Structures are given as C-alpha cells and as structure tokens.
Amino acid sequence: MSSQGGSGMQKINERWQGLITTRKALKEKDAAIYISMSRPYLRRARMEGTTGGQTPGPEFIKKGRSVLYMVSDLDAWLEEGRQA
C-alpha cells in the first residue's frame, strides 16, 4: 500500500474538520454522524416529537423536501443531554 494520501480515517477527520468549520447547517446524514446517532433516530424524532416519553431530537429546519440541522442546535442538544 502506498502511504501517499494518508489513511482513510485521516481523510474522514480532515473532511469533518473542514465541514464543521465552514458550514452552519448539516444535512441529515452528516448531522447523524456529528451527534453519533442514526438517521432513522433523527427521522423518528422529527415525526414523533416528544410523544411516547422519548427524548426529543434536535431542532431542525425544513426547506421544501430538504431537512437541515444547524450545528449550533446540534451542539445545544448534546449539551442538554450531558450528565454530571
């Protein structure tokens, strides 16, 4: 194997570093990775909200058929779930 270009994990980390520092909003797939949850969880949280005693998902923006998550909202959602 060639060492040129770096490892796969290094490339992923570089992509995320650039993505998070340059974008205010993430698509569902990237938001799920960012908060370490699944895409189905985000979909279910959007549809069900707080029903059924489940933890509500992060706030989202719906533009036409697109769903976006603000990085600041994802950070706030993660902080809300933080336990000492």
N, C-alpha and C. Protein backbone atom coordinates (compact mmCIF):
# COMPACT_ATOMS: atom_id res chain seq x y z
N MET A 1 0.83 -1.19 0.00
CA MET A 1 0.00 0.00 0.00
C MET A 1 0.87 1.25 0.00
N SER A 2 0.39 2.24 -0.65
CA SER A 2 1.12 3.49 -0.72
C SER A 2 0.75 4.36 0.48
N SER A 3 1.72 5.04 1.06
CA SER A 3 1.45 5.93 2.17
C SER A 3 1.01 7.30 1.69
N GLN A 4 1.01 7.47 0.39
CA GLN A 4 0.62 8.75 -0.18
C GLN A 4 -0.88 8.98 0.01
N GLY A 5 -1.25 10.16 0.50
CA GLY A 5 -2.65 10.49 0.65
C GLY A 5 -3.21 10.24 2.03
N GLY A 6 -2.49 9.56 2.90
CA GLY A 6 -2.95 9.35 4.28
C GLY A 6 -3.94 8.20 4.38
N SER A 7 -4.27 7.86 5.61
CA SER A 7 -5.19 6.75 5.87
C SER A 7 -6.63 7.19 5.63
N GLY A 8 -7.51 6.20 5.55
CA GLY A 8 -8.93 6.50 5.38
C GLY A 8 -9.48 7.32 6.53
N MET A 9 -9.09 6.94 7.76
CA MET A 9 -9.57 7.67 8.94
C MET A 9 -9.06 9.11 8.94
N GLN A 10 -7.84 9.31 8.52
CA GLN A 10 -7.28 10.66 8.46
C GLN A 10 -8.07 11.51 7.46
N LYS A 11 -8.43 10.92 6.33
CA LYS A 11 -9.21 11.64 5.33
C LYS A 11 -10.59 12.00 5.87
N ILE A 12 -11.21 11.08 6.60
CA ILE A 12 -12.51 11.37 7.20
C ILE A 12 -12.38 12.51 8.20
N ASN A 13 -11.37 12.45 9.07
CA ASN A 13 -11.17 13.50 10.05
C ASN A 13 -10.93 14.86 9.39
N GLU A 14 -10.16 14.87 8.31
CA GLU A 14 -9.91 16.12 7.60
C GLU A 14 -11.20 16.65 6.98
N ARG A 15 -12.02 15.75 6.44
CA ARG A 15 -13.30 16.17 5.85
C ARG A 15 -14.19 16.79 6.92
N TRP A 16 -14.28 16.14 8.08
CA TRP A 16 -15.12 16.66 9.16
C TRP A 16 -14.61 18.00 9.67
N GLN A 17 -13.31 18.12 9.82
CA GLN A 17 -12.73 19.37 10.30
C GLN A 17 -13.14 20.51 9.38
N GLY A 18 -13.02 20.31 8.07
CA GLY A 18 -13.40 21.32 7.11
C GLY A 18 -14.89 21.57 7.08
N LEU A 19 -15.68 20.51 7.18
CA LEU A 19 -17.13 20.63 7.14
C LEU A 19 -17.66 21.43 8.31
N ILE A 20 -17.22 21.11 9.51
CA ILE A 20 -17.73 21.76 10.71
C ILE A 20 -17.27 23.21 10.81
N THR A 21 -16.07 23.50 10.37
CA THR A 21 -15.58 24.87 10.50
C THR A 21 -16.13 25.79 9.42
N THR A 22 -16.66 25.23 8.33
CA THR A 22 -17.13 26.09 7.24
C THR A 22 -18.64 26.10 7.07
N ARG A 23 -19.36 25.18 7.66
CA ARG A 23 -20.81 25.09 7.45
C ARG A 23 -21.56 25.36 8.73
N LYS A 24 -22.66 26.09 8.61
CA LYS A 24 -23.53 26.35 9.75
C LYS A 24 -24.62 25.29 9.88
N ALA A 25 -24.97 24.66 8.75
CA ALA A 25 -26.03 23.66 8.74
C ALA A 25 -25.54 22.38 8.09
N LEU A 26 -26.07 21.26 8.58
CA LEU A 26 -25.69 19.94 8.06
C LEU A 26 -26.93 19.22 7.55
N LYS A 27 -26.75 18.42 6.51
CA LYS A 27 -27.82 17.56 6.05
C LYS A 27 -27.98 16.43 7.06
N GLU A 28 -29.11 15.71 6.94
CA GLU A 28 -29.44 14.66 7.90
C GLU A 28 -28.30 13.65 8.10
N LYS A 29 -27.72 13.18 7.01
CA LYS A 29 -26.67 12.17 7.10
C LYS A 29 -25.48 12.68 7.92
N ASP A 30 -25.03 13.90 7.64
CA ASP A 30 -23.90 14.47 8.36
C ASP A 30 -24.26 14.81 9.80
N ALA A 31 -25.50 15.26 10.02
CA ALA A 31 -25.95 15.56 11.39
C ALA A 31 -25.97 14.29 12.24
N ALA A 32 -26.42 13.18 11.66
CA ALA A 32 -26.46 11.91 12.39
C ALA A 32 -25.05 11.49 12.80
N ILE A 33 -24.10 11.64 11.89
CA ILE A 33 -22.72 11.30 12.22
C ILE A 33 -22.19 12.24 13.29
N TYR A 34 -22.49 13.52 13.16
CA TYR A 34 -21.99 14.52 14.09
C TYR A 34 -22.43 14.24 15.53
N ILE A 35 -23.69 13.80 15.72
CA ILE A 35 -24.18 13.54 17.08
C ILE A 35 -24.11 12.06 17.45
N SER A 36 -23.53 11.25 16.58
CA SER A 36 -23.36 9.80 16.83
C SER A 36 -24.69 9.09 17.05
N MET A 37 -25.67 9.45 16.24
CA MET A 37 -26.97 8.78 16.27
C MET A 37 -27.28 8.33 14.85
N SER A 38 -28.30 7.52 14.70
CA SER A 38 -28.64 7.02 13.37
C SER A 38 -29.58 7.98 12.64
N ARG A 39 -29.60 7.85 11.34
CA ARG A 39 -30.55 8.64 10.54
C ARG A 39 -31.99 8.27 10.89
N PRO A 40 -32.31 6.97 11.08
CA PRO A 40 -33.68 6.64 11.49
C PRO A 40 -34.07 7.29 12.82
N TYR A 41 -33.12 7.44 13.74
CA TYR A 41 -33.44 8.13 15.00
C TYR A 41 -33.87 9.57 14.72
N LEU A 42 -33.11 10.27 13.88
CA LEU A 42 -33.45 11.66 13.57
C LEU A 42 -34.82 11.74 12.88
N ARG A 43 -35.09 10.84 11.97
CA ARG A 43 -36.39 10.83 11.29
C ARG A 43 -37.52 10.59 12.27
N ARG A 44 -37.34 9.61 13.14
CA ARG A 44 -38.36 9.28 14.14
C ARG A 44 -38.57 10.46 15.08
N ALA A 45 -37.49 11.10 15.50
CA ALA A 45 -37.60 12.25 16.41
C ALA A 45 -38.35 13.40 15.75
N ARG A 46 -38.14 13.60 14.45
CA ARG A 46 -38.87 14.66 13.74
C ARG A 46 -40.35 14.35 13.67
N MET A 47 -40.68 13.11 13.38
CA MET A 47 -42.08 12.72 13.20
C MET A 47 -42.85 12.62 14.52
N GLU A 48 -42.20 12.08 15.53
CA GLU A 48 -42.89 11.81 16.79
C GLU A 48 -42.73 12.93 17.81
N GLY A 49 -41.72 13.76 17.66
CA GLY A 49 -41.50 14.84 18.63
C GLY A 49 -41.24 14.26 20.01
N THR A 50 -42.01 14.70 20.99
CA THR A 50 -41.80 14.24 22.37
C THR A 50 -42.84 13.21 22.79
N THR A 51 -43.60 12.67 21.87
CA THR A 51 -44.62 11.69 22.24
C THR A 51 -43.96 10.39 22.67
N GLY A 52 -44.64 9.66 23.49
CA GLY A 52 -44.15 8.35 23.91
C GLY A 52 -43.06 8.41 24.95
N GLY A 53 -42.84 9.56 25.55
CA GLY A 53 -41.84 9.68 26.61
C GLY A 53 -40.41 9.61 26.12
N GLN A 54 -40.20 9.70 24.81
CA GLN A 54 -38.84 9.63 24.29
C GLN A 54 -38.16 11.00 24.39
N THR A 55 -36.85 10.95 24.40
CA THR A 55 -36.07 12.18 24.38
C THR A 55 -36.32 12.89 23.06
N PRO A 56 -36.68 14.17 23.09
CA PRO A 56 -36.89 14.89 21.83
C PRO A 56 -35.58 15.04 21.07
N GLY A 57 -35.67 15.02 19.77
CA GLY A 57 -34.49 15.18 18.93
C GLY A 57 -34.08 16.63 18.82
N PRO A 58 -32.98 16.89 18.14
CA PRO A 58 -32.52 18.27 17.95
C PRO A 58 -33.46 19.04 17.03
N GLU A 59 -33.45 20.37 17.18
CA GLU A 59 -34.25 21.22 16.31
C GLU A 59 -33.75 21.07 14.88
N PHE A 60 -34.65 21.28 13.93
CA PHE A 60 -34.29 21.14 12.52
C PHE A 60 -35.00 22.21 11.69
N ILE A 61 -34.53 22.36 10.46
CA ILE A 61 -35.10 23.30 9.51
C ILE A 61 -35.59 22.50 8.32
N LYS A 62 -36.80 22.76 7.88
CA LYS A 62 -37.36 22.08 6.72
C LYS A 62 -37.51 23.12 5.60
N LYS A 63 -36.80 22.91 4.52
CA LYS A 63 -36.87 23.77 3.33
C LYS A 63 -37.28 22.89 2.16
N GLY A 64 -38.53 22.98 1.77
CA GLY A 64 -39.02 22.09 0.72
C GLY A 64 -38.93 20.65 1.20
N ARG A 65 -38.21 19.83 0.47
CA ARG A 65 -38.02 18.44 0.86
C ARG A 65 -36.75 18.23 1.67
N SER A 66 -35.95 19.27 1.77
CA SER A 66 -34.67 19.16 2.48
C SER A 66 -34.84 19.39 3.97
N VAL A 67 -34.09 18.63 4.75
CA VAL A 67 -34.05 18.80 6.20
C VAL A 67 -32.62 19.16 6.57
N LEU A 68 -32.47 20.24 7.30
CA LEU A 68 -31.15 20.70 7.73
C LEU A 68 -31.11 20.85 9.24
N TYR A 69 -29.94 20.67 9.79
CA TYR A 69 -29.70 20.83 11.22
C TYR A 69 -28.60 21.85 11.41
N MET A 70 -28.87 22.90 12.18
CA MET A 70 -27.85 23.89 12.48
C MET A 70 -26.84 23.26 13.44
N VAL A 71 -25.56 23.47 13.18
CA VAL A 71 -24.51 22.92 14.04
C VAL A 71 -24.69 23.43 15.47
N SER A 72 -25.07 24.70 15.62
CA SER A 72 -25.27 25.26 16.96
C SER A 72 -26.42 24.56 17.70
N ASP A 73 -27.48 24.17 16.97
CA ASP A 73 -28.60 23.43 17.58
C ASP A 73 -28.17 22.02 17.98
N LEU A 74 -27.35 21.40 17.15
CA LEU A 74 -26.85 20.07 17.49
C LEU A 74 -25.97 20.12 18.74
N ASP A 75 -25.12 21.14 18.81
CA ASP A 75 -24.27 21.31 20.00
C ASP A 75 -25.12 21.53 21.25
N ALA A 76 -26.15 22.37 21.13
CA ALA A 76 -27.04 22.64 22.27
C ALA A 76 -27.77 21.37 22.69
N TRP A 77 -28.24 20.58 21.72
CA TRP A 77 -28.93 19.33 22.02
C TRP A 77 -28.02 18.36 22.76
N LEU A 78 -26.77 18.28 22.33
CA LEU A 78 -25.81 17.41 23.00
C LEU A 78 -25.56 17.88 24.43
N GLU A 79 -25.44 19.19 24.63
CA GLU A 79 -25.21 19.73 25.97
C GLU A 79 -26.39 19.46 26.90
N GLU A 80 -27.62 19.53 26.36
CA GLU A 80 -28.81 19.27 27.18
C GLU A 80 -28.81 17.85 27.74
N GLY A 81 -28.24 16.92 27.00
CA GLY A 81 -28.21 15.53 27.42
C GLY A 81 -27.03 15.18 28.32
N ARG A 82 -26.18 16.16 28.53
CA ARG A 82 -24.96 15.91 29.32
C ARG A 82 -25.33 15.69 30.79
N GLN A 83 -24.70 14.71 31.39
CA GLN A 83 -24.95 14.41 32.81
C GLN A 83 -23.64 14.46 33.56
N ALA A 84 -23.73 14.94 34.78
CA ALA A 84 -22.52 15.04 35.61
C ALA A 84 -22.14 13.70 36.19
